[in-house]
Amino acid sequence: MEIVAHVTNNISKTNSNMNCQNCGSKLSCGCQKRISTDGKEVCSNCVTTYENNLVKMKKATEEQLKFAAMNAAVQNKQ
């Protein structure tokens, strides 16, 4: 009996502190939680938008790296 009560108390404490790491909304149960490709816990309402933003950020970063490499190549030629 004591072990079951201890486990139940730990579960309720864990669930009460779950918030979406994107919008901050409270996740009252695990069915609302999604793990994004970068490992963050986001709510089911945010996951699509959050993932789309990750893709945009990745593309922007890749473009910045290409631009920096081109600039470095030009600087090395001068």
PDB file of N, CA and C in Angstrom:
ATOM      1  N   MET A   1       0.808  -1.203   0.000  1.00  0.00           N
ATOM      2  CA  MET A   1       0.000   0.000   0.000  1.00  0.00           C
ATOM      3  C   MET A   1       0.850   1.266   0.000  1.00  0.00           C
ATOM      4  N   GLU A   2       1.903   1.317   0.792  1.00  0.00           N
ATOM      5  CA  GLU A   2       2.739   2.513   0.860  1.00  0.00           C
ATOM      6  C   GLU A   2       3.437   2.781  -0.470  1.00  0.00           C
ATOM      7  N   ILE A   3       3.894   1.717  -1.140  1.00  0.00           N
ATOM      8  CA  ILE A   3       4.595   1.876  -2.410  1.00  0.00           C
ATOM      9  C   ILE A   3       3.651   2.459  -3.461  1.00  0.00           C
ATOM     10  N   VAL A   4       2.446   1.959  -3.536  1.00  0.00           N
ATOM     11  CA  VAL A   4       1.474   2.446  -4.505  1.00  0.00           C
ATOM     12  C   VAL A   4       1.168   3.923  -4.249  1.00  0.00           C
ATOM     13  N   ALA A   5       0.993   4.302  -2.995  1.00  0.00           N
ATOM     14  CA  ALA A   5       0.701   5.699  -2.663  1.00  0.00           C
ATOM     15  C   ALA A   5       1.881   6.586  -3.037  1.00  0.00           C
ATOM     16  N   HIS A   6       3.103   6.111  -2.803  1.00  0.00           N
ATOM     17  CA  HIS A   6       4.297   6.883  -3.132  1.00  0.00           C
ATOM     18  C   HIS A   6       4.394   7.094  -4.641  1.00  0.00           C
ATOM     19  N   VAL A   7       4.170   6.057  -5.430  1.00  0.00           N
ATOM     20  CA  VAL A   7       4.220   6.161  -6.886  1.00  0.00           C
ATOM     21  C   VAL A   7       3.133   7.101  -7.380  1.00  0.00           C
ATOM     22  N   THR A   8       1.939   6.983  -6.844  1.00  0.00           N
ATOM     23  CA  THR A   8       0.835   7.845  -7.243  1.00  0.00           C
ATOM     24  C   THR A   8       1.145   9.306  -6.929  1.00  0.00           C
ATOM     25  N   ASN A   9       1.728   9.570  -5.773  1.00  0.00           N
ATOM     26  CA  ASN A   9       2.084  10.947  -5.422  1.00  0.00           C
ATOM     27  C   ASN A   9       3.123  11.502  -6.385  1.00  0.00           C
ATOM     28  N   ASN A  10       4.100  10.697  -6.772  1.00  0.00           N
ATOM     29  CA  ASN A  10       5.119  11.156  -7.712  1.00  0.00           C
ATOM     30  C   ASN A  10       4.523  11.435  -9.080  1.00  0.00           C
ATOM     31  N   ILE A  11       3.604  10.603  -9.522  1.00  0.00           N
ATOM     32  CA  ILE A  11       2.962  10.808 -10.827  1.00  0.00           C
ATOM     33  C   ILE A  11       2.160  12.102 -10.818  1.00  0.00           C
ATOM     34  N   SER A  12       1.391  12.336  -9.788  1.00  0.00           N
ATOM     35  CA  SER A  12       0.571  13.545  -9.766  1.00  0.00           C
ATOM     36  C   SER A  12       1.438  14.793  -9.700  1.00  0.00           C
ATOM     37  N   LYS A  13       2.572  14.740  -9.001  1.00  0.00           N
ATOM     38  CA  LYS A  13       3.476  15.892  -8.959  1.00  0.00           C
ATOM     39  C   LYS A  13       4.078  16.138 -10.332  1.00  0.00           C
ATOM     40  N   THR A  14       4.457  15.080 -11.033  1.00  0.00           N
ATOM     41  CA  THR A  14       5.048  15.222 -12.353  1.00  0.00           C
ATOM     42  C   THR A  14       4.040  15.803 -13.325  1.00  0.00           C
ATOM     43  N   ASN A  15       2.826  15.281 -13.336  1.00  0.00           N
ATOM     44  CA  ASN A  15       1.810  15.752 -14.279  1.00  0.00           C
ATOM     45  C   ASN A  15       1.394  17.189 -13.998  1.00  0.00           C
ATOM     46  N   SER A  16       1.409  17.591 -12.733  1.00  0.00           N
ATOM     47  CA  SER A  16       0.956  18.946 -12.417  1.00  0.00           C
ATOM     48  C   SER A  16       1.946  20.008 -12.879  1.00  0.00           C
ATOM     49  N   ASN A  17       3.195  19.622 -13.163  1.00  0.00           N
ATOM     50  CA  ASN A  17       4.215  20.588 -13.569  1.00  0.00           C
ATOM     51  C   ASN A  17       4.485  20.574 -15.060  1.00  0.00           C
ATOM     52  N   MET A  18       3.729  19.795 -15.830  1.00  0.00           N
ATOM     53  CA  MET A  18       4.001  19.710 -17.258  1.00  0.00           C
ATOM     54  C   MET A  18       3.392  20.910 -17.973  1.00  0.00           C
ATOM     55  N   ASN A  19       4.268  21.670 -18.636  1.00  0.00           N
ATOM     56  CA  ASN A  19       3.833  22.811 -19.437  1.00  0.00           C
ATOM     57  C   ASN A  19       4.458  22.699 -20.821  1.00  0.00           C
ATOM     58  N   CYS A  20       3.761  23.215 -21.797  1.00  0.00           N
ATOM     59  CA  CYS A  20       4.287  23.270 -23.152  1.00  0.00           C
ATOM     60  C   CYS A  20       5.507  24.182 -23.146  1.00  0.00           C
ATOM     61  N   GLN A  21       6.619  23.702 -23.691  1.00  0.00           N
ATOM     62  CA  GLN A  21       7.835  24.505 -23.721  1.00  0.00           C
ATOM     63  C   GLN A  21       7.804  25.553 -24.830  1.00  0.00           C
ATOM     64  N   ASN A  22       6.728  25.574 -25.602  1.00  0.00           N
ATOM     65  CA  ASN A  22       6.574  26.589 -26.637  1.00  0.00           C
ATOM     66  C   ASN A  22       5.625  27.693 -26.177  1.00  0.00           C
ATOM     67  N   CYS A  23       4.395  27.341 -25.838  1.00  0.00           N
ATOM     68  CA  CYS A  23       3.404  28.362 -25.478  1.00  0.00           C
ATOM     69  C   CYS A  23       3.173  28.481 -23.972  1.00  0.00           C
ATOM     70  N   GLY A  24       3.658  27.497 -23.200  1.00  0.00           N
ATOM     71  CA  GLY A  24       3.523  27.547 -21.750  1.00  0.00           C
ATOM     72  C   GLY A  24       2.215  27.024 -21.207  1.00  0.00           C
ATOM     73  N   SER A  25       1.319  26.560 -22.075  1.00  0.00           N
ATOM     74  CA  SER A  25       0.034  26.059 -21.578  1.00  0.00           C
ATOM     75  C   SER A  25       0.246  24.789 -20.764  1.00  0.00           C
ATOM     76  N   LYS A  26      -0.628  24.591 -19.797  1.00  0.00           N
ATOM     77  CA  LYS A  26      -0.533  23.445 -18.906  1.00  0.00           C
ATOM     78  C   LYS A  26      -0.980  22.187 -19.640  1.00  0.00           C
ATOM     79  N   LEU A  27      -0.194  21.135 -19.532  1.00  0.00           N
ATOM     80  CA  LEU A  27      -0.537  19.852 -20.137  1.00  0.00           C
ATOM     81  C   LEU A  27      -1.087  18.968 -19.032  1.00  0.00           C
ATOM     82  N   SER A  28      -2.395  18.798 -19.014  1.00  0.00           N
ATOM     83  CA  SER A  28      -3.027  18.087 -17.906  1.00  0.00           C
ATOM     84  C   SER A  28      -2.885  16.574 -18.020  1.00  0.00           C
ATOM     85  N   CYS A  29      -2.591  16.081 -19.210  1.00  0.00           N
ATOM     86  CA  CYS A  29      -2.356  14.644 -19.354  1.00  0.00           C
ATOM     87  C   CYS A  29      -1.375  14.397 -20.489  1.00  0.00           C
ATOM     88  N   GLY A  30      -0.833  13.200 -20.544  1.00  0.00           N
ATOM     89  CA  GLY A  30       0.180  12.852 -21.532  1.00  0.00           C
ATOM     90  C   GLY A  30      -0.322  12.875 -22.963  1.00  0.00           C
ATOM     91  N   CYS A  31      -1.630  12.747 -23.167  1.00  0.00           N
ATOM     92  CA  CYS A  31      -2.154  12.730 -24.535  1.00  0.00           C
ATOM     93  C   CYS A  31      -2.016  14.088 -25.218  1.00  0.00           C
ATOM     94  N   GLN A  32      -1.794  15.143 -24.442  1.00  0.00           N
ATOM     95  CA  GLN A  32      -1.616  16.482 -25.005  1.00  0.00           C
ATOM     96  C   GLN A  32      -0.162  16.772 -25.345  1.00  0.00           C
ATOM     97  N   LYS A  33       0.748  15.956 -24.833  1.00  0.00           N
ATOM     98  CA  LYS A  33       2.180  16.213 -24.977  1.00  0.00           C
ATOM     99  C   LYS A  33       2.731  15.573 -26.245  1.00  0.00           C
ATOM    100  N   ARG A  34       3.566  16.335 -26.957  1.00  0.00           N
ATOM    101  CA  ARG A  34       4.272  15.829 -28.131  1.00  0.00           C
ATOM    102  C   ARG A  34       5.749  16.168 -27.955  1.00  0.00           C
ATOM    103  N   ILE A  35       6.621  15.302 -28.428  1.00  0.00           N
ATOM    104  CA  ILE A  35       8.055  15.554 -28.394  1.00  0.00           C
ATOM    105  C   ILE A  35       8.469  16.026 -29.784  1.00  0.00           C
ATOM    106  N   SER A  36       9.023  17.222 -29.851  1.00  0.00           N
ATOM    107  CA  SER A  36       9.437  17.784 -31.144  1.00  0.00           C
ATOM    108  C   SER A  36      10.765  17.166 -31.577  1.00  0.00           C
ATOM    109  N   THR A  37      11.158  17.443 -32.807  1.00  0.00           N
ATOM    110  CA  THR A  37      12.390  16.861 -33.333  1.00  0.00           C
ATOM    111  C   THR A  37      13.629  17.369 -32.608  1.00  0.00           C
ATOM    112  N   ASP A  38      13.522  18.518 -31.925  1.00  0.00           N
ATOM    113  CA  ASP A  38      14.661  18.991 -31.139  1.00  0.00           C
ATOM    114  C   ASP A  38      14.576  18.555 -29.679  1.00  0.00           C
ATOM    115  N   GLY A  39      13.594  17.687 -29.367  1.00  0.00           N
ATOM    116  CA  GLY A  39      13.499  17.089 -28.043  1.00  0.00           C
ATOM    117  C   GLY A  39      12.661  17.841 -27.027  1.00  0.00           C
ATOM    118  N   LYS A  40      12.077  18.966 -27.397  1.00  0.00           N
ATOM    119  CA  LYS A  40      11.258  19.721 -26.453  1.00  0.00           C
ATOM    120  C   LYS A  40       9.859  19.126 -26.359  1.00  0.00           C
ATOM    121  N   GLU A  41       9.256  19.273 -25.170  1.00  0.00           N
ATOM    122  CA  GLU A  41       7.881  18.827 -24.960  1.00  0.00           C
ATOM    123  C   GLU A  41       6.953  19.982 -25.306  1.00  0.00           C
ATOM    124  N   VAL A  42       6.175  19.820 -26.355  1.00  0.00           N
ATOM    125  CA  VAL A  42       5.232  20.855 -26.772  1.00  0.00           C
ATOM    126  C   VAL A  42       3.831  20.259 -26.795  1.00  0.00           C
ATOM    127  N   CYS A  43       2.823  21.121 -26.744  1.00  0.00           N
ATOM    128  CA  CYS A  43       1.443  20.638 -26.736  1.00  0.00           C
ATOM    129  C   CYS A  43       1.007  20.251 -28.149  1.00  0.00           C
ATOM    130  N   SER A  44      -0.053  19.481 -28.207  1.00  0.00           N
ATOM    131  CA  SER A  44      -0.559  19.023 -29.504  1.00  0.00           C
ATOM    132  C   SER A  44      -1.031  20.192 -30.368  1.00  0.00           C
ATOM    133  N   ASN A  45      -1.413  21.306 -29.751  1.00  0.00           N
ATOM    134  CA  ASN A  45      -1.833  22.481 -30.515  1.00  0.00           C
ATOM    135  C   ASN A  45      -0.657  23.197 -31.168  1.00  0.00           C
ATOM    136  N   CYS A  46       0.514  23.127 -30.554  1.00  0.00           N
ATOM    137  CA  CYS A  46       1.695  23.858 -31.038  1.00  0.00           C
ATOM    138  C   CYS A  46       2.590  23.042 -31.959  1.00  0.00           C
ATOM    139  N   VAL A  47       2.505  21.735 -31.914  1.00  0.00           N
ATOM    140  CA  VAL A  47       3.542  20.896 -32.515  1.00  0.00           C
ATOM    141  C   VAL A  47       3.744  21.168 -34.007  1.00  0.00           C
ATOM    142  N   THR A  48       2.702  21.339 -34.778  1.00  0.00           N
ATOM    143  CA  THR A  48       2.850  21.558 -36.219  1.00  0.00           C
ATOM    144  C   THR A  48       3.545  22.885 -36.504  1.00  0.00           C
ATOM    145  N   THR A  49       3.076  23.948 -35.877  1.00  0.00           N
ATOM    146  CA  THR A  49       3.690  25.263 -36.064  1.00  0.00           C
ATOM    147  C   THR A  49       5.130  25.251 -35.577  1.00  0.00           C
ATOM    148  N   TYR A  50       5.371  24.621 -34.423  1.00  0.00           N
ATOM    149  CA  TYR A  50       6.719  24.566 -33.851  1.00  0.00           C
ATOM    150  C   TYR A  50       7.666  23.833 -34.806  1.00  0.00           C
ATOM    151  N   GLU A  51       7.230  22.700 -35.333  1.00  0.00           N
ATOM    152  CA  GLU A  51       8.065  21.932 -36.260  1.00  0.00           C
ATOM    153  C   GLU A  51       8.330  22.722 -37.540  1.00  0.00           C
ATOM    154  N   ASN A  52       7.315  23.416 -38.058  1.00  0.00           N
ATOM    155  CA  ASN A  52       7.506  24.242 -39.261  1.00  0.00           C
ATOM    156  C   ASN A  52       8.535  25.340 -39.007  1.00  0.00           C
ATOM    157  N   ASN A  53       8.501  25.937 -37.820  1.00  0.00           N
ATOM    158  CA  ASN A  53       9.479  26.971 -37.476  1.00  0.00           C
ATOM    159  C   ASN A  53      10.885  26.387 -37.367  1.00  0.00           C
ATOM    160  N   LEU A  54      10.995  25.158 -36.862  1.00  0.00           N
ATOM    161  CA  LEU A  54      12.312  24.506 -36.800  1.00  0.00           C
ATOM    162  C   LEU A  54      12.884  24.324 -38.206  1.00  0.00           C
ATOM    163  N   VAL A  55      12.039  23.923 -39.146  1.00  0.00           N
ATOM    164  CA  VAL A  55      12.481  23.727 -40.530  1.00  0.00           C
ATOM    165  C   VAL A  55      12.942  25.061 -41.115  1.00  0.00           C
ATOM    166  N   LYS A  56      12.172  26.135 -40.885  1.00  0.00           N
ATOM    167  CA  LYS A  56      12.544  27.461 -41.383  1.00  0.00           C
ATOM    168  C   LYS A  56      13.868  27.922 -40.788  1.00  0.00           C
ATOM    169  N   MET A  57      14.041  27.692 -39.487  1.00  0.00           N
ATOM    170  CA  MET A  57      15.276  28.100 -38.825  1.00  0.00           C
ATOM    171  C   MET A  57      16.465  27.318 -39.369  1.00  0.00           C
ATOM    172  N   LYS A  58      16.255  26.033 -39.635  1.00  0.00           N
ATOM    173  CA  LYS A  58      17.333  25.203 -40.171  1.00  0.00           C
ATOM    174  C   LYS A  58      17.744  25.707 -41.559  1.00  0.00           C
ATOM    175  N   LYS A  59      16.763  26.010 -42.402  1.00  0.00           N
ATOM    176  CA  LYS A  59      17.059  26.522 -43.746  1.00  0.00           C
ATOM    177  C   LYS A  59      17.784  27.861 -43.668  1.00  0.00           C
ATOM    178  N   ALA A  60      17.339  28.741 -42.783  1.00  0.00           N
ATOM    179  CA  ALA A  60      17.979  30.044 -42.625  1.00  0.00           C
ATOM    180  C   ALA A  60      19.419  29.882 -42.157  1.00  0.00           C
ATOM    181  N   THR A  61      19.643  28.975 -41.237  1.00  0.00           N
ATOM    182  CA  THR A  61      20.992  28.725 -40.736  1.00  0.00           C
ATOM    183  C   THR A  61      21.881  28.184 -41.843  1.00  0.00           C
ATOM    184  N   GLU A  62      21.340  27.273 -42.642  1.00  0.00           N
ATOM    185  CA  GLU A  62      22.113  26.723 -43.762  1.00  0.00           C
ATOM    186  C   GLU A  62      22.480  27.817 -44.758  1.00  0.00           C
ATOM    187  N   GLU A  63      21.543  28.727 -45.033  1.00  0.00           N
ATOM    188  CA  GLU A  63      21.819  29.835 -45.947  1.00  0.00           C
ATOM    189  C   GLU A  63      22.894  30.762 -45.373  1.00  0.00           C
ATOM    190  N   GLN A  64      22.822  31.021 -44.079  1.00  0.00           N
ATOM    191  CA  GLN A  64      23.825  31.868 -43.442  1.00  0.00           C
ATOM    192  C   GLN A  64      25.203  31.224 -43.510  1.00  0.00           C
ATOM    193  N   LEU A  65      25.268  29.912 -43.305  1.00  0.00           N
ATOM    194  CA  LEU A  65      26.545  29.208 -43.379  1.00  0.00           C
ATOM    195  C   LEU A  65      27.116  29.248 -44.790  1.00  0.00           C
ATOM    196  N   LYS A  66      26.248  29.082 -45.800  1.00  0.00           N
ATOM    197  CA  LYS A  66      26.699  29.167 -47.192  1.00  0.00           C
ATOM    198  C   LYS A  66      27.255  30.557 -47.494  1.00  0.00           C
ATOM    199  N   PHE A  67      26.527  31.575 -47.053  1.00  0.00           N
ATOM    200  CA  PHE A  67      26.950  32.959 -47.278  1.00  0.00           C
ATOM    201  C   PHE A  67      28.290  33.223 -46.595  1.00  0.00           C
ATOM    202  N   ALA A  68      28.439  32.743 -45.352  1.00  0.00           N
ATOM    203  CA  ALA A  68      29.689  32.940 -44.620  1.00  0.00           C
ATOM    204  C   ALA A  68      30.844  32.228 -45.312  1.00  0.00           C
ATOM    205  N   ALA A  69      30.582  31.027 -45.834  1.00  0.00           N
ATOM    206  CA  ALA A  69      31.626  30.291 -46.553  1.00  0.00           C
ATOM    207  C   ALA A  69      32.027  31.016 -47.830  1.00  0.00           C
ATOM    208  N   MET A  70      31.056  31.558 -48.538  1.00  0.00           N
ATOM    209  CA  MET A  70      31.359  32.316 -49.765  1.00  0.00           C
ATOM    210  C   MET A  70      32.183  33.567 -49.431  1.00  0.00           C
ATOM    211  N   ASN A  71      31.812  34.260 -48.371  1.00  0.00           N
ATOM    212  CA  ASN A  71      32.564  35.443 -47.958  1.00  0.00           C
ATOM    213  C   ASN A  71      33.993  35.075 -47.559  1.00  0.00           C
ATOM    214  N   ALA A  72      34.153  33.979 -46.866  1.00  0.00           N
ATOM    215  CA  ALA A  72      35.474  33.525 -46.442  1.00  0.00           C
ATOM    216  C   ALA A  72      36.325  33.188 -47.663  1.00  0.00           C
ATOM    217  N   ALA A  73      35.715  32.564 -48.671  1.00  0.00           N
ATOM    218  CA  ALA A  73      36.438  32.221 -49.881  1.00  0.00           C
ATOM    219  C   ALA A  73      36.902  33.473 -50.631  1.00  0.00           C
ATOM    220  N   VAL A  74      36.036  34.476 -50.672  1.00  0.00           N
ATOM    221  CA  VAL A  74      36.379  35.744 -51.324  1.00  0.00           C
ATOM    222  C   VAL A  74      37.509  36.429 -50.556  1.00  0.00           C
ATOM    223  N   GLN A  75      37.435  36.419 -49.237  1.00  0.00           N
ATOM    224  CA  GLN A  75      38.481  37.040 -48.417  1.00  0.00           C
ATOM    225  C   GLN A  75      39.818  36.352 -48.599  1.00  0.00           C
ATOM    226  N   ASN A  76      39.796  35.022 -48.745  1.00  0.00           N
ATOM    227  CA  ASN A  76      41.036  34.264 -48.931  1.00  0.00           C
ATOM    228  C   ASN A  76      41.678  34.538 -50.277  1.00  0.00           C
ATOM    229  N   LYS A  77      40.874  34.868 -51.291  1.00  0.00           N
ATOM    230  CA  LYS A  77      41.399  35.144 -52.632  1.00  0.00           C
ATOM    231  C   LYS A  77      42.040  36.535 -52.703  1.00  0.00           C
ATOM    232  N   GLN A  78      41.620  37.422 -51.826  1.00  0.00           N
ATOM    233  CA  GLN A  78      42.125  38.801 -51.876  1.00  0.00           C
ATOM    234  C   GLN A  78      43.444  38.905 -51.248  1.00  0.00           C
TER     235      GLN A  78
END
